């Protein structure tokens, strides 16, 4: 399963899953380097950051935002 860290609230990371559902994951279960906007892979109790997908998505969002501001 894959998701994107939307935000942090108290002891939890709020994660949007591929199916658009939001879940809370305790902060101590995600990698220490994880931050808002990171794509994570959730396999049972193992959660890792998908750095390649995170970079790809950030570039895609930057391009969309750039297109909004061009005349």
PDB file of N, CA and C in Angstrom:
ATOM      1  N   UNK A   1       0.849  -1.162   0.000  1.00  0.00           N
ATOM      2  CA  UNK A   1       0.000   0.000   0.000  1.00  0.00           C
ATOM      3  C   UNK A   1       0.903   1.236   0.000  1.00  0.00           C
ATOM      4  N   UNK A   2       0.419   2.287  -0.633  1.00  0.00           N
ATOM      5  CA  UNK A   2       1.202   3.500  -0.727  1.00  0.00           C
ATOM      6  C   UNK A   2       0.360   4.682  -0.265  1.00  0.00           C
ATOM      7  N   UNK A   3       1.005   5.705   0.265  1.00  0.00           N
ATOM      8  CA  UNK A   3       0.302   6.897   0.705  1.00  0.00           C
ATOM      9  C   UNK A   3       1.227   8.096   0.714  1.00  0.00           C
ATOM     10  N   UNK A   4       0.632   9.258   0.933  1.00  0.00           N
ATOM     11  CA  UNK A   4       1.385  10.509   1.014  1.00  0.00           C
ATOM     12  C   UNK A   4       1.124  11.124   2.381  1.00  0.00           C
ATOM     13  N   UNK A   5       2.194  11.542   3.042  1.00  0.00           N
ATOM     14  CA  UNK A   5       2.034  12.197   4.341  1.00  0.00           C
ATOM     15  C   UNK A   5       1.437  13.578   4.100  1.00  0.00           C
ATOM     16  N   UNK A   6       0.231  13.774   4.601  1.00  0.00           N
ATOM     17  CA  UNK A   6      -0.476  15.040   4.433  1.00  0.00           C
ATOM     18  C   UNK A   6      -0.024  16.049   5.487  1.00  0.00           C
ATOM     19  N   UNK A   7       0.061  15.583   6.722  1.00  0.00           N
ATOM     20  CA  UNK A   7       0.446  16.481   7.823  1.00  0.00           C
ATOM     21  C   UNK A   7       0.737  15.650   9.072  1.00  0.00           C
ATOM     22  N   UNK A   8       1.250  16.349  10.081  1.00  0.00           N
ATOM     23  CA  UNK A   8       1.486  15.730  11.379  1.00  0.00           C
ATOM     24  C   UNK A   8       0.569  16.398  12.394  1.00  0.00           C
ATOM     25  N   UNK A   9      -0.067  15.595  13.219  1.00  0.00           N
ATOM     26  CA  UNK A   9      -0.931  16.086  14.292  1.00  0.00           C
ATOM     27  C   UNK A   9      -0.606  15.318  15.565  1.00  0.00           C
ATOM     28  N   UNK A  10      -0.097  16.042  16.531  1.00  0.00           N
ATOM     29  CA  UNK A  10       0.276  15.454  17.805  1.00  0.00           C
ATOM     30  C   UNK A  10       1.157  14.224  17.607  1.00  0.00           C
ATOM     31  N   UNK A  11       0.665  13.026  17.954  1.00  0.00           N
ATOM     32  CA  UNK A  11       1.482  11.805  17.876  1.00  0.00           C
ATOM     33  C   UNK A  11       1.343  11.093  16.545  1.00  0.00           C
ATOM     34  N   UNK A  12       0.617  11.680  15.594  1.00  0.00           N
ATOM     35  CA  UNK A  12       0.293  10.955  14.367  1.00  0.00           C
ATOM     36  C   UNK A  12       0.743  11.665  13.097  1.00  0.00           C
ATOM     37  N   UNK A  13       1.004  10.842  12.091  1.00  0.00           N
ATOM     38  CA  UNK A  13       1.143  11.329  10.723  1.00  0.00           C
ATOM     39  C   UNK A  13      -0.185  11.021  10.046  1.00  0.00           C
ATOM     40  N   UNK A  14      -0.790  12.026   9.438  1.00  0.00           N
ATOM     41  CA  UNK A  14      -2.038  11.836   8.705  1.00  0.00           C
ATOM     42  C   UNK A  14      -1.641  11.531   7.260  1.00  0.00           C
ATOM     43  N   UNK A  15      -2.052  10.358   6.778  1.00  0.00           N
ATOM     44  CA  UNK A  15      -1.606   9.858   5.483  1.00  0.00           C
ATOM     45  C   UNK A  15      -2.804   9.652   4.563  1.00  0.00           C
ATOM     46  N   UNK A  16      -2.685  10.170   3.330  1.00  0.00           N
ATOM     47  CA  UNK A  16      -3.705   9.926   2.316  1.00  0.00           C
ATOM     48  C   UNK A  16      -3.258   8.725   1.486  1.00  0.00           C
ATOM     49  N   UNK A  17      -4.065   7.694   1.475  1.00  0.00           N
ATOM     50  CA  UNK A  17      -3.751   6.485   0.730  1.00  0.00           C
ATOM     51  C   UNK A  17      -4.116   6.649  -0.740  1.00  0.00           C
ATOM     52  N   UNK A  18      -3.661   5.715  -1.577  1.00  0.00           N
ATOM     53  CA  UNK A  18      -3.964   5.747  -3.008  1.00  0.00           C
ATOM     54  C   UNK A  18      -5.467   5.799  -3.278  1.00  0.00           C
ATOM     55  N   UNK A  19      -6.256   5.174  -2.417  1.00  0.00           N
ATOM     56  CA  UNK A  19      -7.706   5.148  -2.620  1.00  0.00           C
ATOM     57  C   UNK A  19      -8.404   6.383  -2.044  1.00  0.00           C
ATOM     58  N   UNK A  20      -7.615   7.403  -1.675  1.00  0.00           N
ATOM     59  CA  UNK A  20      -8.096   8.693  -1.142  1.00  0.00           C
ATOM     60  C   UNK A  20      -8.581   8.635   0.301  1.00  0.00           C
ATOM     61  N   UNK A  21      -8.500   7.505   0.961  1.00  0.00           N
ATOM     62  CA  UNK A  21      -8.847   7.420   2.381  1.00  0.00           C
ATOM     63  C   UNK A  21      -7.705   8.003   3.207  1.00  0.00           C
ATOM     64  N   UNK A  22      -8.075   8.628   4.310  1.00  0.00           N
ATOM     65  CA  UNK A  22      -7.081   9.195   5.217  1.00  0.00           C
ATOM     66  C   UNK A  22      -6.952   8.268   6.429  1.00  0.00           C
ATOM     67  N   UNK A  23      -5.709   8.017   6.823  1.00  0.00           N
ATOM     68  CA  UNK A  23      -5.461   7.209   8.015  1.00  0.00           C
ATOM     69  C   UNK A  23      -4.450   7.919   8.895  1.00  0.00           C
ATOM     70  N   UNK A  24      -4.441   7.559  10.174  1.00  0.00           N
ATOM     71  CA  UNK A  24      -3.448   8.064  11.114  1.00  0.00           C
ATOM     72  C   UNK A  24      -2.456   6.947  11.412  1.00  0.00           C
ATOM     73  N   UNK A  25      -1.184   7.292  11.342  1.00  0.00           N
ATOM     74  CA  UNK A  25      -0.121   6.351  11.687  1.00  0.00           C
ATOM     75  C   UNK A  25       0.706   7.005  12.787  1.00  0.00           C
ATOM     76  N   UNK A  26       0.968   6.271  13.837  1.00  0.00           N
ATOM     77  CA  UNK A  26       1.784   6.826  14.914  1.00  0.00           C
ATOM     78  C   UNK A  26       3.148   7.240  14.371  1.00  0.00           C
ATOM     79  N   UNK A  27       3.601   8.423  14.795  1.00  0.00           N
ATOM     80  CA  UNK A  27       4.875   8.959  14.305  1.00  0.00           C
ATOM     81  C   UNK A  27       6.035   8.004  14.521  1.00  0.00           C
ATOM     82  N   UNK A  28       6.002   7.270  15.624  1.00  0.00           N
ATOM     83  CA  UNK A  28       7.128   6.387  15.931  1.00  0.00           C
ATOM     84  C   UNK A  28       7.191   5.178  14.992  1.00  0.00           C
ATOM     85  N   UNK A  29       6.204   5.012  14.117  1.00  0.00           N
ATOM     86  CA  UNK A  29       6.202   3.891  13.179  1.00  0.00           C
ATOM     87  C   UNK A  29       6.672   4.289  11.782  1.00  0.00           C
ATOM     88  N   UNK A  30       6.878   5.585  11.570  1.00  0.00           N
ATOM     89  CA  UNK A  30       7.361   6.022  10.263  1.00  0.00           C
ATOM     90  C   UNK A  30       8.828   6.441  10.378  1.00  0.00           C
ATOM     91  N   UNK A  31       9.554   6.463   9.267  1.00  0.00           N
ATOM     92  CA  UNK A  31      10.969   6.847   9.326  1.00  0.00           C
ATOM     93  C   UNK A  31      11.154   8.251   9.915  1.00  0.00           C
ATOM     94  N   UNK A  32      12.223   8.436  10.672  1.00  0.00           N
ATOM     95  CA  UNK A  32      12.489   9.722  11.317  1.00  0.00           C
ATOM     96  C   UNK A  32      12.631  10.857  10.307  1.00  0.00           C
ATOM     97  N   UNK A  33      13.139  10.568   9.113  1.00  0.00           N
ATOM     98  CA  UNK A  33      13.362  11.600   8.102  1.00  0.00           C
ATOM     99  C   UNK A  33      12.097  11.958   7.321  1.00  0.00           C
ATOM    100  N   UNK A  34      11.006  11.260   7.563  1.00  0.00           N
ATOM    101  CA  UNK A  34       9.776  11.495   6.812  1.00  0.00           C
ATOM    102  C   UNK A  34       9.225  12.889   7.111  1.00  0.00           C
ATOM    103  N   UNK A  35       8.699  13.520   6.055  1.00  0.00           N
ATOM    104  CA  UNK A  35       8.126  14.852   6.216  1.00  0.00           C
ATOM    105  C   UNK A  35       6.864  14.980   5.379  1.00  0.00           C
ATOM    106  N   UNK A  36       6.143  16.068   5.565  1.00  0.00           N
ATOM    107  CA  UNK A  36       4.920  16.293   4.812  1.00  0.00           C
ATOM    108  C   UNK A  36       5.220  16.258   3.317  1.00  0.00           C
ATOM    109  N   UNK A  37       4.363  15.565   2.569  1.00  0.00           N
ATOM    110  CA  UNK A  37       4.534  15.466   1.127  1.00  0.00           C
ATOM    111  C   UNK A  37       5.299  14.239   0.678  1.00  0.00           C
ATOM    112  N   UNK A  38       5.927  13.535   1.602  1.00  0.00           N
ATOM    113  CA  UNK A  38       6.673  12.320   1.242  1.00  0.00           C
ATOM    114  C   UNK A  38       5.720  11.183   0.903  1.00  0.00           C
ATOM    115  N   UNK A  39       6.094  10.426  -0.122  1.00  0.00           N
ATOM    116  CA  UNK A  39       5.368   9.211  -0.476  1.00  0.00           C
ATOM    117  C   UNK A  39       5.947   8.085   0.369  1.00  0.00           C
ATOM    118  N   UNK A  40       5.078   7.329   1.019  1.00  0.00           N
ATOM    119  CA  UNK A  40       5.549   6.210   1.832  1.00  0.00           C
ATOM    120  C   UNK A  40       4.933   4.908   1.327  1.00  0.00           C
ATOM    121  N   UNK A  41       5.682   3.836   1.540  1.00  0.00           N
ATOM    122  CA  UNK A  41       5.213   2.494   1.205  1.00  0.00           C
ATOM    123  C   UNK A  41       4.957   1.777   2.522  1.00  0.00           C
ATOM    124  N   UNK A  42       3.748   1.240   2.658  1.00  0.00           N
ATOM    125  CA  UNK A  42       3.338   0.585   3.895  1.00  0.00           C
ATOM    126  C   UNK A  42       3.193  -0.908   3.623  1.00  0.00           C
ATOM    127  N   UNK A  43       4.088  -1.695   4.201  1.00  0.00           N
ATOM    128  CA  UNK A  43       4.048  -3.155   4.086  1.00  0.00           C
ATOM    129  C   UNK A  43       4.000  -3.736   5.486  1.00  0.00           C
ATOM    130  N   UNK A  44       2.831  -4.202   5.895  1.00  0.00           N
ATOM    131  CA  UNK A  44       2.630  -4.723   7.255  1.00  0.00           C
ATOM    132  C   UNK A  44       3.119  -3.696   8.261  1.00  0.00           C
ATOM    133  N   UNK A  45       4.114  -4.005   9.027  1.00  0.00           N
ATOM    134  CA  UNK A  45       4.639  -3.079  10.029  1.00  0.00           C
ATOM    135  C   UNK A  45       5.844  -2.296   9.524  1.00  0.00           C
ATOM    136  N   UNK A  46       6.258  -2.535   8.283  1.00  0.00           N
ATOM    137  CA  UNK A  46       7.419  -1.868   7.720  1.00  0.00           C
ATOM    138  C   UNK A  46       6.970  -0.694   6.851  1.00  0.00           C
ATOM    139  N   UNK A  47       7.415   0.518   7.197  1.00  0.00           N
ATOM    140  CA  UNK A  47       7.082   1.706   6.425  1.00  0.00           C
ATOM    141  C   UNK A  47       8.377   2.347   5.958  1.00  0.00           C
ATOM    142  N   UNK A  48       8.463   2.591   4.645  1.00  0.00           N
ATOM    143  CA  UNK A  48       9.653   3.211   4.067  1.00  0.00           C
ATOM    144  C   UNK A  48       9.239   4.410   3.210  1.00  0.00           C
ATOM    145  N   UNK A  49      10.193   5.293   2.977  1.00  0.00           N
ATOM    146  CA  UNK A  49       9.964   6.447   2.117  1.00  0.00           C
ATOM    147  C   UNK A  49      10.337   6.064   0.688  1.00  0.00           C
ATOM    148  N   UNK A  50       9.464   6.376  -0.257  1.00  0.00           N
ATOM    149  CA  UNK A  50       9.744   6.160  -1.676  1.00  0.00           C
ATOM    150  C   UNK A  50      10.290   7.484  -2.212  1.00  0.00           C
ATOM    151  N   UNK A  51      11.613   7.638  -2.147  1.00  0.00           N
ATOM    152  CA  UNK A  51      12.243   8.902  -2.524  1.00  0.00           C
ATOM    153  C   UNK A  51      12.042   9.233  -3.994  1.00  0.00           C
ATOM    154  N   UNK A  52      12.139   8.259  -4.865  1.00  0.00           N
ATOM    155  CA  UNK A  52      11.979   8.504  -6.300  1.00  0.00           C
ATOM    156  C   UNK A  52      10.580   9.017  -6.619  1.00  0.00           C
ATOM    157  N   UNK A  53       9.566   8.389  -6.051  1.00  0.00           N
ATOM    158  CA  UNK A  53       8.186   8.812  -6.303  1.00  0.00           C
ATOM    159  C   UNK A  53       7.911  10.172  -5.677  1.00  0.00           C
ATOM    160  N   UNK A  54       8.504  10.434  -4.518  1.00  0.00           N
ATOM    161  CA  UNK A  54       8.339  11.739  -3.876  1.00  0.00           C
ATOM    162  C   UNK A  54       8.887  12.835  -4.778  1.00  0.00           C
ATOM    163  N   UNK A  55      10.085  12.633  -5.327  1.00  0.00           N
ATOM    164  CA  UNK A  55      10.695  13.626  -6.219  1.00  0.00           C
ATOM    165  C   UNK A  55       9.848  13.808  -7.476  1.00  0.00           C
ATOM    166  N   UNK A  56       9.383  12.702  -8.052  1.00  0.00           N
ATOM    167  CA  UNK A  56       8.578  12.779  -9.266  1.00  0.00           C
ATOM    168  C   UNK A  56       7.293  13.579  -9.028  1.00  0.00           C
ATOM    169  N   UNK A  57       6.635  13.306  -7.918  1.00  0.00           N
ATOM    170  CA  UNK A  57       5.387  14.004  -7.623  1.00  0.00           C
ATOM    171  C   UNK A  57       5.616  15.489  -7.356  1.00  0.00           C
ATOM    172  N   UNK A  58       6.697  15.828  -6.665  1.00  0.00           N
ATOM    173  CA  UNK A  58       6.990  17.235  -6.393  1.00  0.00           C
ATOM    174  C   UNK A  58       7.261  17.990  -7.682  1.00  0.00           C
ATOM    175  N   UNK A  59       7.989  17.366  -8.620  1.00  0.00           N
ATOM    176  CA  UNK A  59       8.241  18.003  -9.917  1.00  0.00           C
ATOM    177  C   UNK A  59       6.942  18.204 -10.678  1.00  0.00           C
ATOM    178  N   UNK A  60       6.073  17.212 -10.638  1.00  0.00           N
ATOM    179  CA  UNK A  60       4.780  17.300 -11.319  1.00  0.00           C
ATOM    180  C   UNK A  60       3.945  18.446 -10.757  1.00  0.00           C
ATOM    181  N   UNK A  61       3.936  18.590  -9.449  1.00  0.00           N
ATOM    182  CA  UNK A  61       3.180  19.664  -8.799  1.00  0.00           C
ATOM    183  C   UNK A  61       3.780  21.023  -9.141  1.00  0.00           C
ATOM    184  N   UNK A  62       5.107  21.113  -9.158  1.00  0.00           N
ATOM    185  CA  UNK A  62       5.769  22.373  -9.521  1.00  0.00           C
ATOM    186  C   UNK A  62       5.397  22.788 -10.943  1.00  0.00           C
ATOM    187  N   UNK A  63       5.357  21.841 -11.857  1.00  0.00           N
ATOM    188  CA  UNK A  63       4.987  22.133 -13.247  1.00  0.00           C
ATOM    189  C   UNK A  63       3.539  22.614 -13.328  1.00  0.00           C
ATOM    190  N   UNK A  64       2.648  21.964 -12.603  1.00  0.00           N
ATOM    191  CA  UNK A  64       1.248  22.388 -12.599  1.00  0.00           C
ATOM    192  C   UNK A  64       1.112  23.804 -12.032  1.00  0.00           C
ATOM    193  N   UNK A  65       1.831  24.091 -10.969  1.00  0.00           N
ATOM    194  CA  UNK A  65       1.777  25.416 -10.359  1.00  0.00           C
ATOM    195  C   UNK A  65       2.365  26.463 -11.307  1.00  0.00           C
ATOM    196  N   UNK A  66       3.436  26.121 -11.987  1.00  0.00           N
ATOM    197  CA  UNK A  66       4.069  27.026 -12.941  1.00  0.00           C
ATOM    198  C   UNK A  66       3.085  27.381 -14.056  1.00  0.00           C
ATOM    199  N   UNK A  67       2.356  26.400 -14.547  1.00  0.00           N
ATOM    200  CA  UNK A  67       1.380  26.615 -15.606  1.00  0.00           C
ATOM    201  C   UNK A  67       0.262  27.564 -15.149  1.00  0.00           C
ATOM    202  N   UNK A  68      -0.063  27.550 -13.861  1.00  0.00           N
ATOM    203  CA  UNK A  68      -1.115  28.431 -13.358  1.00  0.00           C
ATOM    204  C   UNK A  68      -0.724  29.899 -13.433  1.00  0.00           C
ATOM    205  N   UNK A  69       0.560  30.195 -13.272  1.00  0.00           N
ATOM    206  CA  UNK A  69       1.018  31.568 -13.191  1.00  0.00           C
ATOM    207  C   UNK A  69       1.493  32.138 -14.521  1.00  0.00           C
ATOM    208  N   UNK A  70       1.574  31.310 -15.548  1.00  0.00           N
ATOM    209  CA  UNK A  70       1.998  31.800 -16.857  1.00  0.00           C
ATOM    210  C   UNK A  70       0.818  32.447 -17.570  1.00  0.00           C
ATOM    211  N   UNK A  71       1.100  33.490 -18.361  1.00  0.00           N
ATOM    212  CA  UNK A  71       0.048  34.156 -19.143  1.00  0.00           C
ATOM    213  C   UNK A  71      -0.234  33.433 -20.424  1.00  0.00           C
TER     214      UNK A  71
END
